[in-house]
Amino acid sequence: MKVNVHEAKTNLSRLIDRAQMGEEIIIAKAGKPVVKLVVVETGKKRVFGSAKGRIQFHKGWEAPLSEKELAEFLGA
């Protein structure tokens, strides 16, 4: 949905409700899109160290790549 600034100011609460329901809201100034009204994603709070014991690294994982491996990685 595209609305002009005046309409957005007048109907901000309704536009917020529509955005929360998943609708894309574009606000235009002089007919040109300038901003998008989006929902702020609020997820669970991250806890430092919560993955401890869940991730395992194989021996030698930090070793530098060989010249051949590096070339393949870089697409050369």
PDB file of N, CA and C in Angstrom:
ATOM      1  N   MET A   1       0.845  -1.169   0.000  1.00  0.00           N
ATOM      2  CA  MET A   1       0.000   0.000   0.000  1.00  0.00           C
ATOM      3  C   MET A   1       0.888   1.227   0.000  1.00  0.00           C
ATOM      4  N   LYS A   2       0.554   2.210  -0.812  1.00  0.00           N
ATOM      5  CA  LYS A   2       1.314   3.453  -0.890  1.00  0.00           C
ATOM      6  C   LYS A   2       0.417   4.604  -0.451  1.00  0.00           C
ATOM      7  N   VAL A   3       0.895   5.415   0.493  1.00  0.00           N
ATOM      8  CA  VAL A   3       0.133   6.558   0.988  1.00  0.00           C
ATOM      9  C   VAL A   3       1.023   7.792   0.992  1.00  0.00           C
ATOM     10  N   ASN A   4       0.412   8.971   0.944  1.00  0.00           N
ATOM     11  CA  ASN A   4       1.203  10.191   1.025  1.00  0.00           C
ATOM     12  C   ASN A   4       1.411  10.571   2.495  1.00  0.00           C
ATOM     13  N   VAL A   5       2.304  11.519   2.730  1.00  0.00           N
ATOM     14  CA  VAL A   5       2.667  11.910   4.090  1.00  0.00           C
ATOM     15  C   VAL A   5       1.454  12.386   4.882  1.00  0.00           C
ATOM     16  N   HIS A   6       0.617  13.211   4.273  1.00  0.00           N
ATOM     17  CA  HIS A   6      -0.553  13.730   4.986  1.00  0.00           C
ATOM     18  C   HIS A   6      -1.475  12.587   5.422  1.00  0.00           C
ATOM     19  N   GLU A   7      -1.730  11.663   4.526  1.00  0.00           N
ATOM     20  CA  GLU A   7      -2.578  10.519   4.864  1.00  0.00           C
ATOM     21  C   GLU A   7      -1.929   9.659   5.948  1.00  0.00           C
ATOM     22  N   ALA A   8      -0.604   9.508   5.883  1.00  0.00           N
ATOM     23  CA  ALA A   8       0.099   8.716   6.889  1.00  0.00           C
ATOM     24  C   ALA A   8      -0.025   9.361   8.269  1.00  0.00           C
ATOM     25  N   LYS A   9       0.104  10.694   8.332  1.00  0.00           N
ATOM     26  CA  LYS A   9      -0.030  11.381   9.620  1.00  0.00           C
ATOM     27  C   LYS A   9      -1.447  11.230  10.165  1.00  0.00           C
ATOM     28  N   THR A  10      -2.427  11.320   9.288  1.00  0.00           N
ATOM     29  CA  THR A  10      -3.821  11.239   9.701  1.00  0.00           C
ATOM     30  C   THR A  10      -4.207   9.837  10.161  1.00  0.00           C
ATOM     31  N   ASN A  11      -3.633   8.817   9.521  1.00  0.00           N
ATOM     32  CA  ASN A  11      -4.047   7.429   9.772  1.00  0.00           C
ATOM     33  C   ASN A  11      -2.914   6.549  10.305  1.00  0.00           C
ATOM     34  N   LEU A  12      -1.995   7.129  11.050  1.00  0.00           N
ATOM     35  CA  LEU A  12      -0.819   6.381  11.487  1.00  0.00           C
ATOM     36  C   LEU A  12      -1.180   5.110  12.258  1.00  0.00           C
ATOM     37  N   SER A  13      -2.108   5.193  13.180  1.00  0.00           N
ATOM     38  CA  SER A  13      -2.482   4.003  13.966  1.00  0.00           C
ATOM     39  C   SER A  13      -2.994   2.883  13.077  1.00  0.00           C
ATOM     40  N   ARG A  14      -3.826   3.211  12.121  1.00  0.00           N
ATOM     41  CA  ARG A  14      -4.353   2.192  11.198  1.00  0.00           C
ATOM     42  C   ARG A  14      -3.245   1.595  10.337  1.00  0.00           C
ATOM     43  N   LEU A  15      -2.328   2.455   9.895  1.00  0.00           N
ATOM     44  CA  LEU A  15      -1.215   1.966   9.078  1.00  0.00           C
ATOM     45  C   LEU A  15      -0.308   1.042   9.879  1.00  0.00           C
ATOM     46  N   ILE A  16      -0.085   1.380  11.140  1.00  0.00           N
ATOM     47  CA  ILE A  16       0.718   0.509  12.007  1.00  0.00           C
ATOM     48  C   ILE A  16       0.043  -0.852  12.148  1.00  0.00           C
ATOM     49  N   ASP A  17      -1.264  -0.860  12.368  1.00  0.00           N
ATOM     50  CA  ASP A  17      -2.004  -2.120  12.482  1.00  0.00           C
ATOM     51  C   ASP A  17      -1.849  -2.958  11.222  1.00  0.00           C
ATOM     52  N   ARG A  18      -1.948  -2.315  10.067  1.00  0.00           N
ATOM     53  CA  ARG A  18      -1.834  -3.034   8.796  1.00  0.00           C
ATOM     54  C   ARG A  18      -0.428  -3.593   8.609  1.00  0.00           C
ATOM     55  N   ALA A  19       0.574  -2.802   8.999  1.00  0.00           N
ATOM     56  CA  ALA A  19       1.957  -3.269   8.904  1.00  0.00           C
ATOM     57  C   ALA A  19       2.179  -4.471   9.820  1.00  0.00           C
ATOM     58  N   GLN A  20       1.591  -4.441  11.010  1.00  0.00           N
ATOM     59  CA  GLN A  20       1.726  -5.562  11.942  1.00  0.00           C
ATOM     60  C   GLN A  20       1.068  -6.825  11.405  1.00  0.00           C
ATOM     61  N   MET A  21       0.097  -6.663  10.543  1.00  0.00           N
ATOM     62  CA  MET A  21      -0.569  -7.818   9.939  1.00  0.00           C
ATOM     63  C   MET A  21       0.175  -8.304   8.695  1.00  0.00           C
ATOM     64  N   GLY A  22       1.315  -7.654   8.386  1.00  0.00           N
ATOM     65  CA  GLY A  22       2.150  -8.137   7.293  1.00  0.00           C
ATOM     66  C   GLY A  22       2.083  -7.330   6.013  1.00  0.00           C
ATOM     67  N   GLU A  23       1.276  -6.300   5.975  1.00  0.00           N
ATOM     68  CA  GLU A  23       1.159  -5.500   4.762  1.00  0.00           C
ATOM     69  C   GLU A  23       2.333  -4.532   4.640  1.00  0.00           C
ATOM     70  N   GLU A  24       2.825  -4.363   3.427  1.00  0.00           N
ATOM     71  CA  GLU A  24       3.909  -3.419   3.185  1.00  0.00           C
ATOM     72  C   GLU A  24       3.315  -2.023   3.013  1.00  0.00           C
ATOM     73  N   ILE A  25       3.787  -1.069   3.796  1.00  0.00           N
ATOM     74  CA  ILE A  25       3.288   0.300   3.751  1.00  0.00           C
ATOM     75  C   ILE A  25       4.426   1.212   3.285  1.00  0.00           C
ATOM     76  N   ILE A  26       4.219   1.884   2.155  1.00  0.00           N
ATOM     77  CA  ILE A  26       5.191   2.824   1.614  1.00  0.00           C
ATOM     78  C   ILE A  26       4.613   4.228   1.781  1.00  0.00           C
ATOM     79  N   ILE A  27       5.418   5.126   2.341  1.00  0.00           N
ATOM     80  CA  ILE A  27       4.981   6.514   2.504  1.00  0.00           C
ATOM     81  C   ILE A  27       5.719   7.358   1.465  1.00  0.00           C
ATOM     82  N   ALA A  28       4.931   8.136   0.706  1.00  0.00           N
ATOM     83  CA  ALA A  28       5.484   8.923  -0.394  1.00  0.00           C
ATOM     84  C   ALA A  28       5.371  10.412  -0.108  1.00  0.00           C
ATOM     85  N   LYS A  29       6.316  11.148  -0.650  1.00  0.00           N
ATOM     86  CA  LYS A  29       6.306  12.601  -0.551  1.00  0.00           C
ATOM     87  C   LYS A  29       6.339  13.126  -1.985  1.00  0.00           C
ATOM     88  N   ALA A  30       5.356  13.934  -2.318  1.00  0.00           N
ATOM     89  CA  ALA A  30       5.219  14.454  -3.683  1.00  0.00           C
ATOM     90  C   ALA A  30       5.149  13.314  -4.699  1.00  0.00           C
ATOM     91  N   GLY A  31       4.499  12.225  -4.294  1.00  0.00           N
ATOM     92  CA  GLY A  31       4.304  11.092  -5.193  1.00  0.00           C
ATOM     93  C   GLY A  31       5.485  10.147  -5.305  1.00  0.00           C
ATOM     94  N   LYS A  32       6.600  10.465  -4.655  1.00  0.00           N
ATOM     95  CA  LYS A  32       7.786   9.614  -4.731  1.00  0.00           C
ATOM     96  C   LYS A  32       7.976   8.870  -3.411  1.00  0.00           C
ATOM     97  N   PRO A  33       8.148   7.534  -3.456  1.00  0.00           N
ATOM     98  CA  PRO A  33       8.348   6.752  -2.236  1.00  0.00           C
ATOM     99  C   PRO A  33       9.597   7.225  -1.488  1.00  0.00           C
ATOM    100  N   VAL A  34       9.455   7.434  -0.186  1.00  0.00           N
ATOM    101  CA  VAL A  34      10.600   7.869   0.613  1.00  0.00           C
ATOM    102  C   VAL A  34      10.888   6.964   1.809  1.00  0.00           C
ATOM    103  N   VAL A  35       9.864   6.355   2.397  1.00  0.00           N
ATOM    104  CA  VAL A  35      10.094   5.461   3.533  1.00  0.00           C
ATOM    105  C   VAL A  35       9.151   4.270   3.477  1.00  0.00           C
ATOM    106  N   LYS A  36       9.556   3.216   4.189  1.00  0.00           N
ATOM    107  CA  LYS A  36       8.725   2.022   4.305  1.00  0.00           C
ATOM    108  C   LYS A  36       8.430   1.801   5.782  1.00  0.00           C
ATOM    109  N   LEU A  37       7.182   1.579   6.113  1.00  0.00           N
ATOM    110  CA  LEU A  37       6.776   1.293   7.482  1.00  0.00           C
ATOM    111  C   LEU A  37       6.903  -0.211   7.694  1.00  0.00           C
ATOM    112  N   VAL A  38       7.780  -0.597   8.613  1.00  0.00           N
ATOM    113  CA  VAL A  38       8.008  -2.024   8.856  1.00  0.00           C
ATOM    114  C   VAL A  38       7.869  -2.336  10.339  1.00  0.00           C
ATOM    115  N   VAL A  39       7.596  -3.576  10.628  1.00  0.00           N
ATOM    116  CA  VAL A  39       7.456  -4.050  12.003  1.00  0.00           C
ATOM    117  C   VAL A  39       8.847  -4.355  12.554  1.00  0.00           C
ATOM    118  N   VAL A  40       9.098  -3.956  13.776  1.00  0.00           N
ATOM    119  CA  VAL A  40      10.361  -4.269  14.440  1.00  0.00           C
ATOM    120  C   VAL A  40      10.251  -5.685  14.972  1.00  0.00           C
ATOM    121  N   GLU A  41      11.191  -6.519  14.567  1.00  0.00           N
ATOM    122  CA  GLU A  41      11.185  -7.907  15.017  1.00  0.00           C
ATOM    123  C   GLU A  41      11.705  -7.974  16.443  1.00  0.00           C
ATOM    124  N   THR A  42      10.910  -8.479  17.340  1.00  0.00           N
ATOM    125  CA  THR A  42      11.346  -8.658  18.720  1.00  0.00           C
ATOM    126  C   THR A  42      11.440 -10.144  18.987  1.00  0.00           C
ATOM    127  N   GLY A  43      12.654 -10.608  19.105  1.00  0.00           N
ATOM    128  CA  GLY A  43      12.877 -12.027  19.354  1.00  0.00           C
ATOM    129  C   GLY A  43      13.277 -12.254  20.791  1.00  0.00           C
ATOM    130  N   LYS A  44      13.656 -13.466  21.054  1.00  0.00           N
ATOM    131  CA  LYS A  44      14.122 -13.789  22.394  1.00  0.00           C
ATOM    132  C   LYS A  44      15.454 -13.109  22.648  1.00  0.00           C
ATOM    133  N   LYS A  45      15.689 -12.771  23.889  1.00  0.00           N
ATOM    134  CA  LYS A  45      16.957 -12.168  24.271  1.00  0.00           C
ATOM    135  C   LYS A  45      18.053 -13.214  24.138  1.00  0.00           C
ATOM    136  N   ARG A  46      19.145 -12.828  23.524  1.00  0.00           N
ATOM    137  CA  ARG A  46      20.262 -13.758  23.341  1.00  0.00           C
ATOM    138  C   ARG A  46      21.028 -13.893  24.652  1.00  0.00           C
ATOM    139  N   VAL A  47      21.385 -15.109  24.954  1.00  0.00           N
ATOM    140  CA  VAL A  47      22.121 -15.390  26.180  1.00  0.00           C
ATOM    141  C   VAL A  47      23.516 -15.848  25.795  1.00  0.00           C
ATOM    142  N   PHE A  48      24.527 -15.093  26.236  1.00  0.00           N
ATOM    143  CA  PHE A  48      25.900 -15.428  25.929  1.00  0.00           C
ATOM    144  C   PHE A  48      26.245 -16.807  26.485  1.00  0.00           C
ATOM    145  N   GLY A  49      26.802 -17.645  25.617  1.00  0.00           N
ATOM    146  CA  GLY A  49      27.228 -18.975  26.044  1.00  0.00           C
ATOM    147  C   GLY A  49      26.134 -20.027  25.990  1.00  0.00           C
ATOM    148  N   SER A  50      24.978 -19.689  25.443  1.00  0.00           N
ATOM    149  CA  SER A  50      23.867 -20.648  25.429  1.00  0.00           C
ATOM    150  C   SER A  50      24.109 -21.827  24.493  1.00  0.00           C
ATOM    151  N   ALA A  51      25.064 -21.719  23.579  1.00  0.00           N
ATOM    152  CA  ALA A  51      25.359 -22.827  22.663  1.00  0.00           C
ATOM    153  C   ALA A  51      26.536 -23.675  23.143  1.00  0.00           C
ATOM    154  N   LYS A  52      27.032 -23.377  24.342  1.00  0.00           N
ATOM    155  CA  LYS A  52      28.180 -24.119  24.870  1.00  0.00           C
ATOM    156  C   LYS A  52      27.871 -25.615  24.897  1.00  0.00           C
ATOM    157  N   GLY A  53      28.794 -26.391  24.329  1.00  0.00           N
ATOM    158  CA  GLY A  53      28.630 -27.844  24.288  1.00  0.00           C
ATOM    159  C   GLY A  53      27.829 -28.332  23.100  1.00  0.00           C
ATOM    160  N   ARG A  54      27.227 -27.445  22.341  1.00  0.00           N
ATOM    161  CA  ARG A  54      26.424 -27.849  21.184  1.00  0.00           C
ATOM    162  C   ARG A  54      27.224 -27.815  19.886  1.00  0.00           C
ATOM    163  N   ILE A  55      28.322 -27.084  19.883  1.00  0.00           N
ATOM    164  CA  ILE A  55      29.118 -26.936  18.672  1.00  0.00           C
ATOM    165  C   ILE A  55      30.453 -27.625  18.887  1.00  0.00           C
ATOM    166  N   GLN A  56      30.835 -28.455  17.927  1.00  0.00           N
ATOM    167  CA  GLN A  56      32.106 -29.153  18.018  1.00  0.00           C
ATOM    168  C   GLN A  56      32.928 -28.838  16.773  1.00  0.00           C
ATOM    169  N   PHE A  57      34.207 -28.590  16.975  1.00  0.00           N
ATOM    170  CA  PHE A  57      35.119 -28.333  15.870  1.00  0.00           C
ATOM    171  C   PHE A  57      36.054 -29.532  15.729  1.00  0.00           C
ATOM    172  N   HIS A  58      36.310 -29.906  14.483  1.00  0.00           N
ATOM    173  CA  HIS A  58      37.236 -31.005  14.234  1.00  0.00           C
ATOM    174  C   HIS A  58      38.672 -30.509  14.381  1.00  0.00           C
ATOM    175  N   LYS A  59      39.548 -31.424  14.748  1.00  0.00           N
ATOM    176  CA  LYS A  59      40.950 -31.092  14.919  1.00  0.00           C
ATOM    177  C   LYS A  59      41.494 -30.509  13.609  1.00  0.00           C
ATOM    178  N   GLY A  60      42.203 -29.399  13.715  1.00  0.00           N
ATOM    179  CA  GLY A  60      42.814 -28.776  12.549  1.00  0.00           C
ATOM    180  C   GLY A  60      41.902 -27.828  11.789  1.00  0.00           C
ATOM    181  N   TRP A  61      40.727 -27.522  12.321  1.00  0.00           N
ATOM    182  CA  TRP A  61      39.774 -26.658  11.607  1.00  0.00           C
ATOM    183  C   TRP A  61      40.340 -25.263  11.348  1.00  0.00           C
ATOM    184  N   GLU A  62      41.263 -24.828  12.205  1.00  0.00           N
ATOM    185  CA  GLU A  62      41.792 -23.468  12.087  1.00  0.00           C
ATOM    186  C   GLU A  62      43.040 -23.389  11.206  1.00  0.00           C
ATOM    187  N   ALA A  63      43.450 -24.509  10.647  1.00  0.00           N
ATOM    188  CA  ALA A  63      44.654 -24.523   9.813  1.00  0.00           C
ATOM    189  C   ALA A  63      44.440 -23.682   8.553  1.00  0.00           C
ATOM    190  N   PRO A  64      45.484 -22.996   8.099  1.00  0.00           N
ATOM    191  CA  PRO A  64      45.338 -22.178   6.885  1.00  0.00           C
ATOM    192  C   PRO A  64      45.018 -23.049   5.670  1.00  0.00           C
ATOM    193  N   LEU A  65      44.328 -22.458   4.709  1.00  0.00           N
ATOM    194  CA  LEU A  65      44.009 -23.172   3.479  1.00  0.00           C
ATOM    195  C   LEU A  65      45.259 -23.336   2.626  1.00  0.00           C
ATOM    196  N   SER A  66      45.280 -24.427   1.879  1.00  0.00           N
ATOM    197  CA  SER A  66      46.388 -24.601   0.936  1.00  0.00           C
ATOM    198  C   SER A  66      46.187 -23.624  -0.216  1.00  0.00           C
ATOM    199  N   GLU A  67      47.207 -23.436  -1.036  1.00  0.00           N
ATOM    200  CA  GLU A  67      47.094 -22.525  -2.179  1.00  0.00           C
ATOM    201  C   GLU A  67      45.952 -22.964  -3.102  1.00  0.00           C
ATOM    202  N   LYS A  68      45.825 -24.269  -3.311  1.00  0.00           N
ATOM    203  CA  LYS A  68      44.763 -24.797  -4.181  1.00  0.00           C
ATOM    204  C   LYS A  68      43.379 -24.508  -3.571  1.00  0.00           C
ATOM    205  N   GLU A  69      43.222 -24.789  -2.261  1.00  0.00           N
ATOM    206  CA  GLU A  69      41.954 -24.556  -1.590  1.00  0.00           C
ATOM    207  C   GLU A  69      41.573 -23.074  -1.616  1.00  0.00           C
ATOM    208  N   LEU A  70      42.577 -22.219  -1.387  1.00  0.00           N
ATOM    209  CA  LEU A  70      42.334 -20.778  -1.396  1.00  0.00           C
ATOM    210  C   LEU A  70      41.894 -20.313  -2.777  1.00  0.00           C
ATOM    211  N   ALA A  71      42.542 -20.815  -3.818  1.00  0.00           N
ATOM    212  CA  ALA A  71      42.180 -20.456  -5.187  1.00  0.00           C
ATOM    213  C   ALA A  71      40.755 -20.891  -5.498  1.00  0.00           C
ATOM    214  N   GLU A  72      40.379 -22.103  -5.088  1.00  0.00           N
ATOM    215  CA  GLU A  72      39.012 -22.590  -5.314  1.00  0.00           C
ATOM    216  C   GLU A  72      38.002 -21.755  -4.535  1.00  0.00           C
ATOM    217  N   PHE A  73      38.352 -21.395  -3.307  1.00  0.00           N
ATOM    218  CA  PHE A  73      37.461 -20.582  -2.480  1.00  0.00           C
ATOM    219  C   PHE A  73      37.220 -19.222  -3.116  1.00  0.00           C
ATOM    220  N   LEU A  74      38.262 -18.628  -3.670  1.00  0.00           N
ATOM    221  CA  LEU A  74      38.170 -17.318  -4.289  1.00  0.00           C
ATOM    222  C   LEU A  74      37.643 -17.381  -5.717  1.00  0.00           C
ATOM    223  N   GLY A  75      37.391 -18.589  -6.215  1.00  0.00           N
ATOM    224  CA  GLY A  75      36.823 -18.733  -7.556  1.00  0.00           C
ATOM    225  C   GLY A  75      37.833 -18.518  -8.667  1.00  0.00           C
ATOM    226  N   ALA A  76      39.088 -18.706  -8.350  1.00  0.00           N
ATOM    227  CA  ALA A  76      40.131 -18.509  -9.371  1.00  0.00           C
ATOM    228  C   ALA A  76      40.412 -19.777 -10.119  1.00  0.00           C
TER     229      ALA A  76
END
